[in-house]
Amino acid sequence: MTGVSAPFGGAQWERRDDDREIARRVLNLLGDRRMLWKDFSAEIEEHCVRSADHARKELSKLLDNPEIGPEMIRRVQLLQRLFRDFMDEVGPSGDDWDRRYRLMGTDPLSMALGRLRGLAGFQIGELAAEYGLEVSEELARIVPDQAGWFFERFDGASE
């Protein structure tokens, strides 16, 4: 409780975010990062680096929440590190001059995106399953199920 009003009484309280709310925010943030689900051929290196930097900064803001639990801190920090590693790997290097002449999927950007998508997809799936949250249809493309195949969008129904 954060306050009391008078003369007729009353109470005020502050809504605090629990880990489920933080997980929902993470999924919403990542669902808007098209670099995680758009076709490789549509991606441009500098746009991906900017998007990764934005995601990393927004994840940092979530870590500032005093209500965040230790396990959620670990998960958010891991996602943050994945985006930072992507930026370090792809970053503005100037040596990608021959990208258009390489086979699709073998250039450094596609390789780094594939690695980011695979690792982030696993974390996204874990968050969604642990907190019973829906994953956008776009983001669901990178989330493997337990057998390693891609799963259908969560609909809240039990088997």
N, C-alpha and C. Protein backbone atom coordinates (compact mmCIF):
# COMPACT_ATOMS: atom_id res chain seq x y z
N MET A 1 0.85 -1.16 0.00
CA MET A 1 0.00 0.00 0.00
C MET A 1 0.90 1.23 0.00
N THR A 2 0.49 2.24 -0.77
CA THR A 2 1.34 3.43 -0.85
C THR A 2 0.71 4.67 -0.24
N GLY A 3 -0.53 4.57 0.23
CA GLY A 3 -1.15 5.75 0.84
C GLY A 3 -2.53 5.47 1.35
N VAL A 4 -3.04 6.40 2.15
CA VAL A 4 -4.38 6.31 2.72
C VAL A 4 -5.02 7.68 2.57
N SER A 5 -6.33 7.70 2.22
CA SER A 5 -7.01 8.99 2.10
C SER A 5 -8.03 9.14 3.23
N ALA A 6 -8.36 10.36 3.58
CA ALA A 6 -9.29 10.65 4.67
C ALA A 6 -10.27 11.72 4.21
N PRO A 7 -11.36 12.00 4.76
CA PRO A 7 -11.90 11.56 6.03
C PRO A 7 -12.72 10.27 5.91
N PHE A 8 -13.11 9.83 4.74
CA PHE A 8 -13.96 8.66 4.64
C PHE A 8 -13.19 7.37 4.45
N GLY A 9 -11.91 7.46 4.47
CA GLY A 9 -11.08 6.27 4.33
C GLY A 9 -10.81 5.93 2.88
N GLY A 10 -9.98 5.01 2.67
CA GLY A 10 -9.60 4.58 1.34
C GLY A 10 -8.16 4.11 1.34
N ALA A 11 -7.78 3.52 0.28
CA ALA A 11 -6.41 3.03 0.16
C ALA A 11 -5.93 3.22 -1.26
N GLN A 12 -4.66 3.36 -1.41
CA GLN A 12 -4.03 3.44 -2.73
C GLN A 12 -2.96 2.36 -2.77
N TRP A 13 -2.78 1.81 -3.92
CA TRP A 13 -1.70 0.85 -4.05
C TRP A 13 -1.06 1.01 -5.41
N GLU A 14 0.13 0.55 -5.48
CA GLU A 14 0.93 0.63 -6.68
C GLU A 14 0.98 -0.76 -7.29
N ARG A 15 0.65 -0.86 -8.57
CA ARG A 15 0.73 -2.15 -9.25
C ARG A 15 2.19 -2.46 -9.53
N ARG A 16 2.61 -3.62 -9.12
CA ARG A 16 4.00 -4.02 -9.34
C ARG A 16 4.04 -5.14 -10.37
N ASP A 17 5.06 -5.10 -11.17
CA ASP A 17 5.20 -6.11 -12.21
C ASP A 17 5.78 -7.40 -11.62
N ASP A 18 5.12 -8.50 -11.92
CA ASP A 18 5.70 -9.79 -11.54
C ASP A 18 6.45 -10.34 -12.76
N ASP A 19 7.07 -11.48 -12.60
CA ASP A 19 7.86 -12.04 -13.69
C ASP A 19 7.02 -12.38 -14.92
N ARG A 20 5.76 -12.74 -14.71
CA ARG A 20 4.89 -13.03 -15.86
C ARG A 20 4.68 -11.78 -16.71
N GLU A 21 4.49 -10.63 -16.06
CA GLU A 21 4.32 -9.37 -16.79
C GLU A 21 5.62 -9.00 -17.51
N ILE A 22 6.73 -9.23 -16.88
CA ILE A 22 8.02 -8.93 -17.52
C ILE A 22 8.22 -9.85 -18.72
N ALA A 23 7.87 -11.12 -18.58
CA ALA A 23 7.96 -12.07 -19.70
C ALA A 23 7.06 -11.62 -20.85
N ARG A 24 5.86 -11.16 -20.54
CA ARG A 24 4.94 -10.66 -21.58
C ARG A 24 5.57 -9.48 -22.33
N ARG A 25 6.21 -8.60 -21.59
CA ARG A 25 6.87 -7.45 -22.22
C ARG A 25 8.03 -7.89 -23.10
N VAL A 26 8.77 -8.88 -22.66
CA VAL A 26 9.88 -9.41 -23.47
C VAL A 26 9.33 -9.96 -24.78
N LEU A 27 8.26 -10.77 -24.71
CA LEU A 27 7.68 -11.35 -25.93
C LEU A 27 7.13 -10.28 -26.85
N ASN A 28 6.51 -9.25 -26.30
CA ASN A 28 6.02 -8.15 -27.13
C ASN A 28 7.16 -7.41 -27.81
N LEU A 29 8.22 -7.16 -27.07
CA LEU A 29 9.39 -6.50 -27.64
C LEU A 29 9.99 -7.31 -28.78
N LEU A 30 10.19 -8.59 -28.55
CA LEU A 30 10.84 -9.43 -29.55
C LEU A 30 9.92 -9.72 -30.73
N GLY A 31 8.62 -9.73 -30.50
CA GLY A 31 7.68 -9.94 -31.60
C GLY A 31 7.70 -8.82 -32.62
N ASP A 32 8.21 -7.67 -32.20
CA ASP A 32 8.30 -6.51 -33.09
C ASP A 32 9.67 -6.41 -33.76
N ARG A 33 10.56 -7.32 -33.48
CA ARG A 33 11.90 -7.33 -34.10
C ARG A 33 11.84 -8.23 -35.32
N ARG A 34 11.56 -7.65 -36.47
CA ARG A 34 11.41 -8.46 -37.69
C ARG A 34 12.67 -9.20 -38.06
N MET A 35 13.81 -8.74 -37.57
CA MET A 35 15.07 -9.44 -37.85
C MET A 35 15.04 -10.88 -37.32
N LEU A 36 14.13 -11.15 -36.38
CA LEU A 36 14.03 -12.48 -35.81
C LEU A 36 13.19 -13.43 -36.67
N TRP A 37 12.36 -12.90 -37.57
CA TRP A 37 11.47 -13.80 -38.31
C TRP A 37 11.32 -13.48 -39.79
N LYS A 38 11.78 -12.35 -40.26
CA LYS A 38 11.64 -11.98 -41.68
C LYS A 38 12.61 -12.81 -42.53
N ASP A 39 12.27 -13.02 -43.78
CA ASP A 39 13.13 -13.78 -44.69
C ASP A 39 14.53 -13.17 -44.73
N PHE A 40 15.55 -14.01 -44.73
CA PHE A 40 16.94 -13.55 -44.73
C PHE A 40 17.22 -12.57 -45.87
N SER A 41 16.63 -12.82 -47.04
CA SER A 41 16.93 -11.99 -48.21
C SER A 41 16.40 -10.57 -48.06
N ALA A 42 15.47 -10.35 -47.13
CA ALA A 42 14.90 -9.02 -46.94
C ALA A 42 15.66 -8.19 -45.91
N GLU A 43 16.68 -8.77 -45.30
CA GLU A 43 17.38 -8.09 -44.21
C GLU A 43 18.58 -7.29 -44.71
N ILE A 44 18.79 -6.15 -44.08
CA ILE A 44 19.92 -5.27 -44.38
C ILE A 44 20.74 -5.16 -43.11
N GLU A 45 22.04 -5.34 -43.24
CA GLU A 45 22.93 -5.42 -42.08
C GLU A 45 22.75 -4.25 -41.11
N GLU A 46 22.81 -3.03 -41.60
CA GLU A 46 22.73 -1.88 -40.68
C GLU A 46 21.38 -1.79 -39.98
N HIS A 47 20.31 -2.20 -40.64
CA HIS A 47 18.98 -2.21 -40.00
C HIS A 47 18.93 -3.27 -38.90
N CYS A 48 19.54 -4.43 -39.17
CA CYS A 48 19.56 -5.49 -38.16
C CYS A 48 20.37 -5.07 -36.94
N VAL A 49 21.49 -4.41 -37.16
CA VAL A 49 22.32 -3.97 -36.04
C VAL A 49 21.56 -2.95 -35.21
N ARG A 50 20.87 -2.02 -35.88
CA ARG A 50 20.06 -1.02 -35.16
C ARG A 50 18.94 -1.69 -34.36
N SER A 51 18.29 -2.67 -34.97
CA SER A 51 17.21 -3.38 -34.30
C SER A 51 17.73 -4.16 -33.09
N ALA A 52 18.88 -4.81 -33.26
CA ALA A 52 19.48 -5.56 -32.16
C ALA A 52 19.86 -4.62 -31.02
N ASP A 53 20.38 -3.46 -31.36
CA ASP A 53 20.76 -2.48 -30.34
C ASP A 53 19.52 -1.99 -29.59
N HIS A 54 18.44 -1.76 -30.32
CA HIS A 54 17.19 -1.32 -29.68
C HIS A 54 16.69 -2.40 -28.71
N ALA A 55 16.69 -3.65 -29.16
CA ALA A 55 16.22 -4.75 -28.30
C ALA A 55 17.10 -4.84 -27.05
N ARG A 56 18.40 -4.74 -27.21
CA ARG A 56 19.33 -4.82 -26.08
C ARG A 56 19.06 -3.72 -25.07
N LYS A 57 18.83 -2.51 -25.55
CA LYS A 57 18.55 -1.37 -24.65
C LYS A 57 17.21 -1.54 -23.93
N GLU A 58 16.20 -2.01 -24.64
CA GLU A 58 14.89 -2.21 -24.01
C GLU A 58 14.93 -3.34 -22.98
N LEU A 59 15.70 -4.38 -23.26
CA LEU A 59 15.87 -5.45 -22.28
C LEU A 59 16.57 -4.92 -21.03
N SER A 60 17.50 -3.99 -21.21
CA SER A 60 18.18 -3.37 -20.05
C SER A 60 17.18 -2.66 -19.15
N LYS A 61 16.21 -1.99 -19.76
CA LYS A 61 15.19 -1.28 -18.97
C LYS A 61 14.39 -2.26 -18.11
N LEU A 62 14.10 -3.43 -18.65
CA LEU A 62 13.36 -4.44 -17.88
C LEU A 62 14.17 -4.92 -16.69
N LEU A 63 15.48 -4.94 -16.83
CA LEU A 63 16.33 -5.38 -15.72
C LEU A 63 16.35 -4.37 -14.57
N ASP A 64 15.94 -3.15 -14.84
CA ASP A 64 15.90 -2.12 -13.79
C ASP A 64 14.70 -2.27 -12.86
N ASN A 65 13.78 -3.17 -13.20
CA ASN A 65 12.59 -3.37 -12.39
C ASN A 65 12.97 -4.02 -11.06
N PRO A 66 12.65 -3.37 -9.93
CA PRO A 66 13.04 -3.94 -8.63
C PRO A 66 12.29 -5.23 -8.27
N GLU A 67 11.20 -5.53 -8.97
CA GLU A 67 10.41 -6.72 -8.66
C GLU A 67 10.84 -7.96 -9.45
N ILE A 68 11.80 -7.81 -10.34
CA ILE A 68 12.19 -8.92 -11.20
C ILE A 68 12.89 -10.00 -10.36
N GLY A 69 12.51 -11.25 -10.63
CA GLY A 69 13.08 -12.38 -9.90
C GLY A 69 14.42 -12.81 -10.46
N PRO A 70 15.18 -13.58 -9.70
CA PRO A 70 16.52 -14.00 -10.13
C PRO A 70 16.53 -14.81 -11.43
N GLU A 71 15.55 -15.70 -11.61
CA GLU A 71 15.50 -16.50 -12.84
C GLU A 71 15.17 -15.63 -14.04
N MET A 72 14.27 -14.66 -13.86
CA MET A 72 13.92 -13.76 -14.96
C MET A 72 15.12 -12.87 -15.29
N ILE A 73 15.86 -12.45 -14.29
CA ILE A 73 17.08 -11.66 -14.54
C ILE A 73 18.02 -12.47 -15.43
N ARG A 74 18.21 -13.74 -15.11
CA ARG A 74 19.10 -14.59 -15.89
C ARG A 74 18.62 -14.70 -17.34
N ARG A 75 17.33 -14.89 -17.53
CA ARG A 75 16.78 -15.03 -18.88
C ARG A 75 16.92 -13.75 -19.70
N VAL A 76 16.59 -12.62 -19.08
CA VAL A 76 16.68 -11.34 -19.79
C VAL A 76 18.14 -11.01 -20.11
N GLN A 77 19.03 -11.28 -19.18
CA GLN A 77 20.45 -11.04 -19.43
C GLN A 77 20.97 -11.92 -20.56
N LEU A 78 20.48 -13.15 -20.63
CA LEU A 78 20.89 -14.05 -21.71
C LEU A 78 20.42 -13.50 -23.06
N LEU A 79 19.17 -13.08 -23.14
CA LEU A 79 18.67 -12.49 -24.39
C LEU A 79 19.46 -11.24 -24.75
N GLN A 80 19.74 -10.44 -23.76
CA GLN A 80 20.53 -9.22 -23.98
C GLN A 80 21.90 -9.58 -24.56
N ARG A 81 22.53 -10.60 -24.00
CA ARG A 81 23.84 -11.03 -24.48
C ARG A 81 23.76 -11.56 -25.91
N LEU A 82 22.67 -12.28 -26.25
CA LEU A 82 22.52 -12.79 -27.61
C LEU A 82 22.48 -11.65 -28.63
N PHE A 83 21.75 -10.58 -28.30
CA PHE A 83 21.69 -9.43 -29.21
C PHE A 83 23.03 -8.71 -29.26
N ARG A 84 23.72 -8.61 -28.14
CA ARG A 84 25.04 -7.96 -28.11
C ARG A 84 26.04 -8.78 -28.93
N ASP A 85 26.00 -10.10 -28.78
CA ASP A 85 26.90 -10.96 -29.56
C ASP A 85 26.62 -10.83 -31.06
N PHE A 86 25.33 -10.73 -31.42
CA PHE A 86 24.98 -10.53 -32.83
C PHE A 86 25.60 -9.24 -33.33
N MET A 87 25.46 -8.17 -32.55
CA MET A 87 26.02 -6.88 -32.95
C MET A 87 27.54 -6.96 -33.10
N ASP A 88 28.19 -7.65 -32.18
CA ASP A 88 29.64 -7.80 -32.26
C ASP A 88 30.05 -8.60 -33.50
N GLU A 89 29.26 -9.61 -33.83
CA GLU A 89 29.58 -10.46 -34.96
C GLU A 89 29.33 -9.77 -36.30
N VAL A 90 28.22 -9.06 -36.41
CA VAL A 90 27.83 -8.47 -37.68
C VAL A 90 28.32 -7.04 -37.81
N GLY A 91 28.15 -6.26 -36.76
CA GLY A 91 28.56 -4.85 -36.71
C GLY A 91 29.04 -4.24 -38.00
N PRO A 92 29.22 -2.95 -38.02
CA PRO A 92 29.68 -2.29 -39.25
C PRO A 92 31.14 -2.62 -39.53
N SER A 93 31.36 -3.61 -40.41
CA SER A 93 32.73 -4.06 -40.68
C SER A 93 33.23 -3.59 -42.04
N GLY A 94 32.31 -3.34 -42.96
CA GLY A 94 32.71 -2.88 -44.28
C GLY A 94 33.26 -3.97 -45.18
N ASP A 95 33.33 -5.23 -44.70
CA ASP A 95 33.89 -6.28 -45.53
C ASP A 95 32.82 -7.21 -46.12
N ASP A 96 31.60 -6.74 -46.17
CA ASP A 96 30.50 -7.55 -46.69
C ASP A 96 30.18 -7.15 -48.13
N TRP A 97 31.17 -6.69 -48.86
CA TRP A 97 30.96 -6.17 -50.20
C TRP A 97 30.46 -7.21 -51.19
N ASP A 98 30.73 -8.47 -50.92
CA ASP A 98 30.36 -9.51 -51.88
C ASP A 98 29.11 -10.28 -51.48
N ARG A 99 28.32 -9.76 -50.55
CA ARG A 99 27.13 -10.47 -50.06
C ARG A 99 26.20 -10.88 -51.19
N ARG A 100 25.98 -9.98 -52.12
CA ARG A 100 25.02 -10.29 -53.19
C ARG A 100 25.51 -11.40 -54.12
N TYR A 101 26.81 -11.71 -54.07
CA TYR A 101 27.36 -12.75 -54.93
C TYR A 101 27.46 -14.11 -54.24
N ARG A 102 27.14 -14.15 -52.98
CA ARG A 102 27.21 -15.41 -52.24
C ARG A 102 25.88 -16.13 -52.29
N LEU A 103 25.91 -17.43 -52.07
CA LEU A 103 24.67 -18.18 -51.97
C LEU A 103 23.90 -17.70 -50.74
N MET A 104 22.58 -17.55 -50.89
CA MET A 104 21.75 -17.09 -49.78
C MET A 104 21.92 -18.03 -48.60
N GLY A 105 22.11 -17.44 -47.44
CA GLY A 105 22.26 -18.22 -46.22
C GLY A 105 23.70 -18.52 -45.86
N THR A 106 24.66 -18.19 -46.73
CA THR A 106 26.06 -18.45 -46.42
C THR A 106 26.84 -17.18 -46.10
N ASP A 107 26.22 -16.03 -46.27
CA ASP A 107 26.90 -14.78 -45.96
C ASP A 107 26.92 -14.57 -44.44
N PRO A 108 27.83 -13.73 -43.93
CA PRO A 108 27.95 -13.54 -42.48
C PRO A 108 26.66 -13.04 -41.80
N LEU A 109 25.90 -12.17 -42.46
CA LEU A 109 24.66 -11.69 -41.86
C LEU A 109 23.66 -12.83 -41.69
N SER A 110 23.47 -13.61 -42.72
CA SER A 110 22.52 -14.73 -42.63
C SER A 110 22.95 -15.74 -41.58
N MET A 111 24.23 -16.01 -41.51
CA MET A 111 24.74 -16.96 -40.51
C MET A 111 24.50 -16.44 -39.10
N ALA A 112 24.78 -15.15 -38.87
CA ALA A 112 24.58 -14.56 -37.54
C ALA A 112 23.10 -14.50 -37.19
N LEU A 113 22.25 -14.17 -38.18
CA LEU A 113 20.81 -14.14 -37.94
C LEU A 113 20.30 -15.53 -37.59
N GLY A 114 20.77 -16.52 -38.30
CA GLY A 114 20.36 -17.90 -38.02
C GLY A 114 20.72 -18.32 -36.60
N ARG A 115 21.92 -17.96 -36.20
CA ARG A 115 22.37 -18.30 -34.84
C ARG A 115 21.52 -17.56 -33.80
N LEU A 116 21.30 -16.26 -34.01
CA LEU A 116 20.47 -15.47 -33.09
C LEU A 116 19.05 -16.02 -33.02
N ARG A 117 18.47 -16.32 -34.17
CA ARG A 117 17.11 -16.83 -34.20
C ARG A 117 16.99 -18.17 -33.47
N GLY A 118 17.94 -19.05 -33.68
CA GLY A 118 17.89 -20.35 -33.02
C GLY A 118 18.00 -20.24 -31.51
N LEU A 119 18.95 -19.44 -31.04
CA LEU A 119 19.15 -19.30 -29.59
C LEU A 119 18.05 -18.49 -28.93
N ALA A 120 17.63 -17.41 -29.57
CA ALA A 120 16.54 -16.59 -29.01
C ALA A 120 15.23 -17.36 -29.08
N GLY A 121 15.01 -18.12 -30.15
CA GLY A 121 13.78 -18.89 -30.28
C GLY A 121 13.58 -19.86 -29.14
N PHE A 122 14.66 -20.49 -28.72
CA PHE A 122 14.58 -21.41 -27.59
C PHE A 122 14.17 -20.66 -26.32
N GLN A 123 14.77 -19.50 -26.07
CA GLN A 123 14.45 -18.71 -24.88
C GLN A 123 13.01 -18.20 -24.92
N ILE A 124 12.57 -17.79 -26.09
CA ILE A 124 11.19 -17.31 -26.26
C ILE A 124 10.21 -18.44 -25.95
N GLY A 125 10.49 -19.63 -26.47
CA GLY A 125 9.63 -20.78 -26.20
C GLY A 125 9.57 -21.11 -24.72
N GLU A 126 10.72 -21.05 -24.05
CA GLU A 126 10.76 -21.31 -22.61
C GLU A 126 9.93 -20.30 -21.83
N LEU A 127 10.07 -19.02 -22.17
CA LEU A 127 9.29 -17.98 -21.48
C LEU A 127 7.79 -18.19 -21.70
N ALA A 128 7.40 -18.43 -22.94
CA ALA A 128 5.99 -18.60 -23.26
C ALA A 128 5.41 -19.80 -22.51
N ALA A 129 6.13 -20.90 -22.50
CA ALA A 129 5.65 -22.11 -21.83
C ALA A 129 5.59 -21.93 -20.32
N GLU A 130 6.63 -21.34 -19.75
CA GLU A 130 6.68 -21.20 -18.29
C GLU A 130 5.58 -20.29 -17.75
N TYR A 131 5.24 -19.24 -18.49
CA TYR A 131 4.26 -18.28 -17.99
C TYR A 131 2.91 -18.36 -18.72
N GLY A 132 2.73 -19.35 -19.58
CA GLY A 132 1.46 -19.53 -20.27
C GLY A 132 1.10 -18.35 -21.14
N LEU A 133 2.08 -17.82 -21.89
CA LEU A 133 1.86 -16.64 -22.71
C LEU A 133 1.78 -17.01 -24.19
N GLU A 134 1.05 -16.21 -24.93
CA GLU A 134 0.96 -16.40 -26.37
C GLU A 134 2.19 -15.81 -27.04
N VAL A 135 2.54 -16.39 -28.16
CA VAL A 135 3.63 -15.91 -28.99
C VAL A 135 3.02 -15.49 -30.32
N SER A 136 3.41 -14.33 -30.83
CA SER A 136 2.87 -13.87 -32.11
C SER A 136 3.16 -14.90 -33.20
N GLU A 137 2.33 -14.90 -34.23
CA GLU A 137 2.51 -15.86 -35.32
C GLU A 137 3.88 -15.71 -35.97
N GLU A 138 4.33 -14.47 -36.12
CA GLU A 138 5.64 -14.24 -36.73
C GLU A 138 6.75 -14.81 -35.86
N LEU A 139 6.71 -14.50 -34.58
CA LEU A 139 7.75 -14.95 -33.67
C LEU A 139 7.73 -16.47 -33.48
N ALA A 140 6.56 -17.07 -33.60
CA ALA A 140 6.44 -18.52 -33.44
C ALA A 140 7.27 -19.27 -34.49
N ARG A 141 7.62 -18.61 -35.58
CA ARG A 141 8.41 -19.26 -36.63
C ARG A 141 9.78 -19.70 -36.15
N ILE A 142 10.30 -19.04 -35.11
CA ILE A 142 11.66 -19.38 -34.66
C ILE A 142 11.68 -20.19 -33.37
N VAL A 143 10.50 -20.55 -32.86
CA VAL A 143 10.44 -21.27 -31.58
C VAL A 143 10.29 -22.76 -31.84
N PRO A 144 11.30 -23.54 -31.46
CA PRO A 144 11.20 -24.99 -31.64
C PRO A 144 10.38 -25.62 -30.52
N ASP A 145 9.74 -26.73 -30.82
CA ASP A 145 9.08 -27.46 -29.74
C ASP A 145 10.08 -28.43 -29.14
N GLN A 146 9.66 -29.29 -28.26
CA GLN A 146 10.58 -30.17 -27.56
C GLN A 146 11.30 -31.14 -28.49
N ALA A 147 10.68 -31.47 -29.62
CA ALA A 147 11.31 -32.39 -30.55
C ALA A 147 12.22 -31.67 -31.54
N GLY A 148 12.30 -30.35 -31.43
CA GLY A 148 13.16 -29.60 -32.33
C GLY A 148 12.43 -29.06 -33.55
N TRP A 149 11.15 -29.39 -33.70
CA TRP A 149 10.37 -28.86 -34.81
C TRP A 149 9.66 -27.61 -34.36
N PHE A 150 9.09 -26.89 -35.28
CA PHE A 150 8.42 -25.64 -34.92
C PHE A 150 7.00 -25.92 -34.45
N PHE A 151 6.56 -25.16 -33.47
CA PHE A 151 5.28 -25.43 -32.84
C PHE A 151 4.18 -24.51 -33.38
N GLU A 152 2.94 -24.91 -33.10
CA GLU A 152 1.81 -24.07 -33.47
C GLU A 152 1.60 -23.03 -32.40
N ARG A 153 1.01 -21.92 -32.77
CA ARG A 153 0.77 -20.80 -31.86
C ARG A 153 -0.03 -21.27 -30.66
N PHE A 154 0.35 -20.83 -29.48
CA PHE A 154 -0.32 -21.18 -28.23
C PHE A 154 -1.74 -20.62 -28.25
N ASP A 155 -2.74 -21.48 -27.96
CA ASP A 155 -4.13 -21.01 -27.97
C ASP A 155 -4.76 -21.08 -26.58
N GLY A 156 -4.02 -21.50 -25.58
CA GLY A 156 -4.54 -21.54 -24.21
C GLY A 156 -5.33 -22.78 -23.87
N ALA A 157 -5.61 -23.63 -24.86
CA ALA A 157 -6.39 -24.84 -24.60
C ALA A 157 -5.46 -25.97 -24.17
N SER A 158 -5.93 -26.76 -23.25
CA SER A 158 -5.14 -27.92 -22.83
C SER A 158 -5.61 -29.15 -23.59
N GLU A 159 -4.74 -30.14 -23.65
CA GLU A 159 -5.07 -31.36 -24.41
C GLU A 159 -6.02 -32.24 -23.67
